[in-house]
Protein backbone atom coordinates (compact mmCIF):
# COMPACT_ATOMS: atom_id res chain seq x y z
CA MET A 1 68.66 131.16 16.25
CA THR A 2 66.42 128.15 16.54
CA GLY A 3 69.32 125.72 16.96
CA LYS A 4 71.02 127.87 19.52
CA ASN A 5 67.81 128.21 21.55
CA LYS A 6 67.37 124.44 21.72
CA SER A 7 70.99 123.70 22.79
CA TRP A 8 70.52 124.91 26.37
CA GLN A 9 67.27 122.95 26.93
CA ILE A 10 68.97 119.55 27.09
CA PRO A 11 71.40 120.31 29.97
CA LEU A 12 68.60 122.09 31.85
CA THR A 13 66.33 119.08 31.49
CA ILE A 14 69.04 116.72 32.73
CA THR A 15 69.74 119.02 35.70
CA LEU A 16 66.05 119.19 36.65
CA VAL A 17 65.73 115.41 36.47
CA LEU A 18 68.76 114.89 38.74
CA LEU A 19 67.49 117.46 41.21
CA GLY A 20 64.15 115.76 41.35
CA PHE A 21 65.80 112.41 41.93
CA LEU A 22 67.94 113.76 44.78
CA LEU A 23 64.92 115.36 46.45
CA SER A 24 63.05 112.10 46.19
CA VAL A 25 65.92 110.12 47.78
CA GLN A 26 66.28 112.64 50.64
CA PHE A 27 62.56 112.51 51.36
CA LYS A 28 62.63 108.70 51.46
CA VAL A 29 65.57 108.65 53.92
CA GLN A 30 63.78 111.08 56.22
CA GLN A 31 60.63 108.99 56.08
CA ASP A 32 62.59 105.83 56.94
CA LEU A 33 64.16 107.54 59.96
CA LEU A 34 60.77 108.71 61.19
CA ASN A 35 59.29 105.27 60.69
CA THR A 36 61.93 103.65 62.98
CA LEU A 37 60.34 105.24 66.06
CA ASN A 38 57.52 107.66 65.38
CA MET A 39 55.72 105.37 63.01
CA GLN A 40 56.01 102.27 65.17
CA LYS A 41 53.07 101.02 67.14
CA THR A 42 52.74 102.21 70.71
CA GLU A 43 52.73 98.64 72.05
CA ASP A 44 55.99 97.96 70.16
CA LEU A 45 57.64 100.97 71.78
CA VAL A 46 56.35 99.92 75.22
CA ALA A 47 57.68 96.40 74.71
CA MET A 48 61.05 97.80 73.62
CA LEU A 49 61.21 100.05 76.70
CA ARG A 50 60.20 97.17 78.97
CA ASN A 51 62.93 95.00 77.45
CA ILE A 52 65.52 97.73 78.03
CA HIS A 53 64.45 98.06 81.69
CA TYR A 54 64.58 94.31 82.11
CA LYS A 55 68.11 94.11 80.71
CA LYS A 56 69.18 97.03 82.92
CA ALA A 57 67.74 95.37 86.04
CA SER A 58 69.37 92.07 85.06
CA LEU A 59 72.75 93.75 84.70
CA GLU A 60 72.33 95.56 88.04
CA THR A 61 71.50 92.25 89.72
CA GLU A 62 74.57 90.62 88.18
CA VAL A 63 76.75 93.50 89.40
CA ASP A 64 75.31 93.15 92.92
CA GLU A 65 75.98 89.41 92.90
CA LEU A 66 79.58 89.94 91.74
CA GLN A 67 80.14 92.58 94.42
CA PHE A 68 78.72 90.20 97.04
CA GLN A 69 80.99 87.40 95.83
CA LEU A 70 83.97 89.75 95.95
CA SER A 71 83.08 90.78 99.50
CA GLU A 72 82.69 87.12 100.53
CA TYR A 73 86.04 86.30 98.96
CA LYS A 74 87.74 89.18 100.79
CA ASN A 75 86.17 88.10 104.10
CA SER A 76 87.17 84.49 103.50
CA LEU A 77 90.69 85.55 102.62
CA SER A 78 90.89 87.66 105.79
CA VAL A 79 89.72 84.73 107.92
CA GLU A 80 92.21 82.38 106.25
CA GLN A 81 95.04 84.86 106.77
CA THR A 82 94.09 85.25 110.44
CA LEU A 83 93.95 81.48 110.90
CA TYR A 84 97.29 81.08 109.16
CA ALA A 85 98.88 83.77 111.34
CA ASN A 86 97.48 82.19 114.52
CA MET A 87 98.62 78.72 113.49
CA THR A 88 102.10 80.07 112.68
CA LEU A 89 102.32 81.69 116.13
CA GLU A 90 101.16 78.49 117.81
CA ILE A 91 103.67 76.38 115.85
CA ASN A 92 106.46 78.77 116.81
CA ARG A 93 105.36 78.67 120.45
CA LEU A 94 105.41 74.88 120.44
CA GLN A 95 108.79 74.81 118.71
CA VAL A 96 110.17 77.17 121.35
CA ALA A 97 108.71 75.06 124.16
CA TYR A 98 110.04 71.83 122.65
CA GLY A 99 113.47 73.31 121.93
CA THR A 100 113.48 72.99 118.14
CA LEU A 101 113.78 76.70 117.35
CA ASP A 102 116.65 79.13 117.95
CA VAL A 103 115.58 82.05 120.12
CA HIS A 104 117.36 85.36 120.65
CA GLY A 105 116.57 88.63 122.38
CA PRO A 106 117.22 90.67 125.53
CA GLY A 107 117.21 89.07 128.95
CA ILE A 108 119.40 88.39 131.97
CA SER A 109 122.26 86.13 133.02
CA VAL A 110 122.42 84.66 136.54
CA ILE A 111 125.93 83.53 137.48
CA LEU A 112 126.65 81.20 140.43
CA TYR A 113 130.29 80.66 141.37
CA GLY A 114 132.08 77.67 142.85
CA ASP A 115 131.84 78.82 146.48
CA SER A 116 128.04 78.50 146.29
CA LEU A 117 126.75 75.57 148.30
CA LEU A 118 123.90 74.82 145.95
CA ILE A 119 121.61 71.84 145.64
CA PHE A 120 119.57 71.10 142.55
CA TYR A 121 116.38 72.36 144.23
CA ASP A 122 117.97 75.84 144.36
CA ILE A 123 118.48 75.74 140.59
CA ILE A 124 114.88 74.62 140.08
CA ASP A 125 113.63 77.48 142.30
CA ILE A 126 115.58 80.05 140.26
CA ILE A 127 114.30 78.64 136.97
CA ASN A 128 110.70 78.51 138.18
CA GLU A 129 110.92 82.12 139.33
CA LEU A 130 112.23 83.14 135.91
CA TRP A 131 109.32 81.34 134.22
CA ALA A 132 106.89 83.10 136.56
CA SER A 133 108.50 86.47 135.72
CA GLY A 134 107.86 86.06 132.00
CA ALA A 135 110.93 84.27 130.66
CA GLU A 136 110.38 82.97 127.13
CA VAL A 137 113.37 80.61 126.98
CA ILE A 138 115.91 79.54 129.62
CA SER A 139 119.24 77.76 129.41
CA ILE A 140 121.77 76.62 132.02
CA ASN A 141 125.41 76.11 131.00
CA ASP A 142 124.26 75.81 127.36
CA HIS A 143 121.61 73.22 128.29
CA ARG A 144 118.33 74.56 127.01
CA ILE A 145 115.48 74.03 129.46
CA TYR A 146 112.39 72.47 127.95
CA PHE A 147 109.56 70.21 129.05
CA ASN A 148 111.57 67.07 129.87
CA THR A 149 114.77 68.59 131.29
CA ARG A 150 115.85 66.64 134.41
CA PHE A 151 117.70 68.01 137.45
CA THR A 152 119.18 65.63 140.04
CA ASP A 153 121.97 65.30 142.61
CA ALA A 154 124.71 62.74 142.24
CA THR A 155 127.74 61.86 144.36
CA ILE A 156 130.89 62.00 142.23
CA ASN A 157 134.32 61.35 143.82
CA GLY A 158 132.79 61.90 147.25
CA SER A 159 131.24 65.24 146.28
CA LEU A 160 127.57 65.99 145.80
CA GLU A 161 127.13 67.43 142.32
CA ILE A 162 124.17 68.92 140.44
CA MET A 163 123.23 67.03 137.31
CA VAL A 164 121.18 68.23 134.34
CA ASN A 165 120.02 65.57 131.90
CA ASP A 166 122.57 63.21 133.53
CA GLU A 167 125.48 65.63 132.89
CA MET A 168 127.32 67.33 135.74
CA LEU A 169 127.06 71.10 135.95
CA LEU A 170 130.46 72.74 136.15
CA TYR A 171 131.05 76.09 137.85
CA PRO A 172 130.47 78.85 137.18
CA ILE A 173 126.83 77.90 136.61
CA ILE A 174 125.31 80.39 134.18
CA ILE A 175 121.55 80.58 133.84
CA GLN A 176 120.34 82.69 130.92
CA ALA A 177 116.74 83.77 130.33
CA ILE A 178 115.26 85.66 127.40
CA GLY A 179 112.52 88.17 128.25
CA ASP A 180 112.05 91.63 129.72
CA PRO A 181 115.31 92.18 131.66
CA HIS A 182 113.68 94.44 134.26
CA ALA A 183 110.80 92.04 134.95
CA LEU A 184 113.12 89.03 135.15
CA GLU A 185 115.55 90.73 137.54
CA THR A 186 112.72 92.07 139.70
CA GLY A 187 111.19 88.61 139.90
CA LEU A 188 114.43 87.22 141.33
CA THR A 189 115.42 90.07 143.66
CA PHE A 190 112.24 91.27 145.35
CA PRO A 191 112.39 91.14 149.20
CA GLY A 192 111.69 87.60 150.38
CA GLY A 193 112.32 86.18 146.91
CA ILE A 194 114.68 83.41 145.84
CA VAL A 195 117.86 85.52 145.69
CA ASP A 196 117.08 87.20 149.01
CA ASN A 197 116.63 83.78 150.64
CA LEU A 198 119.84 82.37 149.11
CA THR A 199 121.82 85.38 150.30
CA THR A 200 120.30 85.57 153.76
CA LEU A 201 120.03 81.88 154.61
CA TYR A 202 122.94 80.28 152.74
CA ASN A 203 125.34 83.13 152.01
CA ILE A 204 125.00 82.48 148.29
CA HIS A 205 125.34 85.62 146.17
CA PRO A 206 124.21 85.14 142.56
CA GLU A 207 125.48 87.75 140.10
CA ILE A 208 122.76 89.10 137.85
CA LYS A 209 123.51 90.86 134.56
CA ARG A 210 121.06 92.48 132.19
CA GLU A 211 121.79 91.50 128.59
CA THR A 212 120.78 93.32 125.40
CA GLU A 213 121.07 90.18 123.28
CA ILE A 214 121.11 86.51 124.24
CA LEU A 215 121.09 83.60 121.79
CA ILE A 216 119.76 80.27 123.01
CA PRO A 217 120.13 77.74 120.19
CA ALA A 218 117.81 74.83 119.52
CA THR A 219 118.93 71.65 121.28
CA VAL A 220 116.37 69.22 119.83
CA SER A 221 116.14 68.07 116.20
CA PRO A 222 112.59 68.71 114.95
CA ARG A 223 112.57 65.24 113.30
CA ARG A 224 114.55 62.86 115.43
CA GLY A 225 114.44 64.29 118.94
CA ARG A 226 117.58 64.76 121.07
């Protein structure tokens, strides 16, 4: 009986020791957790909070600066794109004026036949009226009109001929202008205008056709001139 009574005391003792050890470890962990905040000094907690606020404000300032830089970049990019677009338009306008760029679009054709008793001033008047009516590009018998186009008269085989850039114009003379067809035709045909005067005074009857598409090719090399 005595031996049997003592046999259960050893496992019980071991169990109680282990339980005590576990309780001790758990208590220590809880104390360590409490010490991380609750047991710190008030001034340490205040300093920690101040440091957190400082870092937050620093990050907010950095975000604001990055947003400002992004906005400045977008504005700069918009200005550069606008400048580029304007420069491209101006280059195209100069190329059109100088005759180095093909141009196509709607417009009108003015046809003058061989029975027309024209002088070169009549051609100049028609062309100037087309410019005034909004023509973008003008050609005459495939000669594109640009800033240094020359019109003159010359006597050839006893006949007074119209010359453009020292080449004789052959009939029919066809003047083509790219622009708003209605505006161009109206500019030529209004009462007292150039066509009215040619018809009334000189019995010259130009034929005017509205065109949906006219191609006036470049006549000047952009590098070497004519």
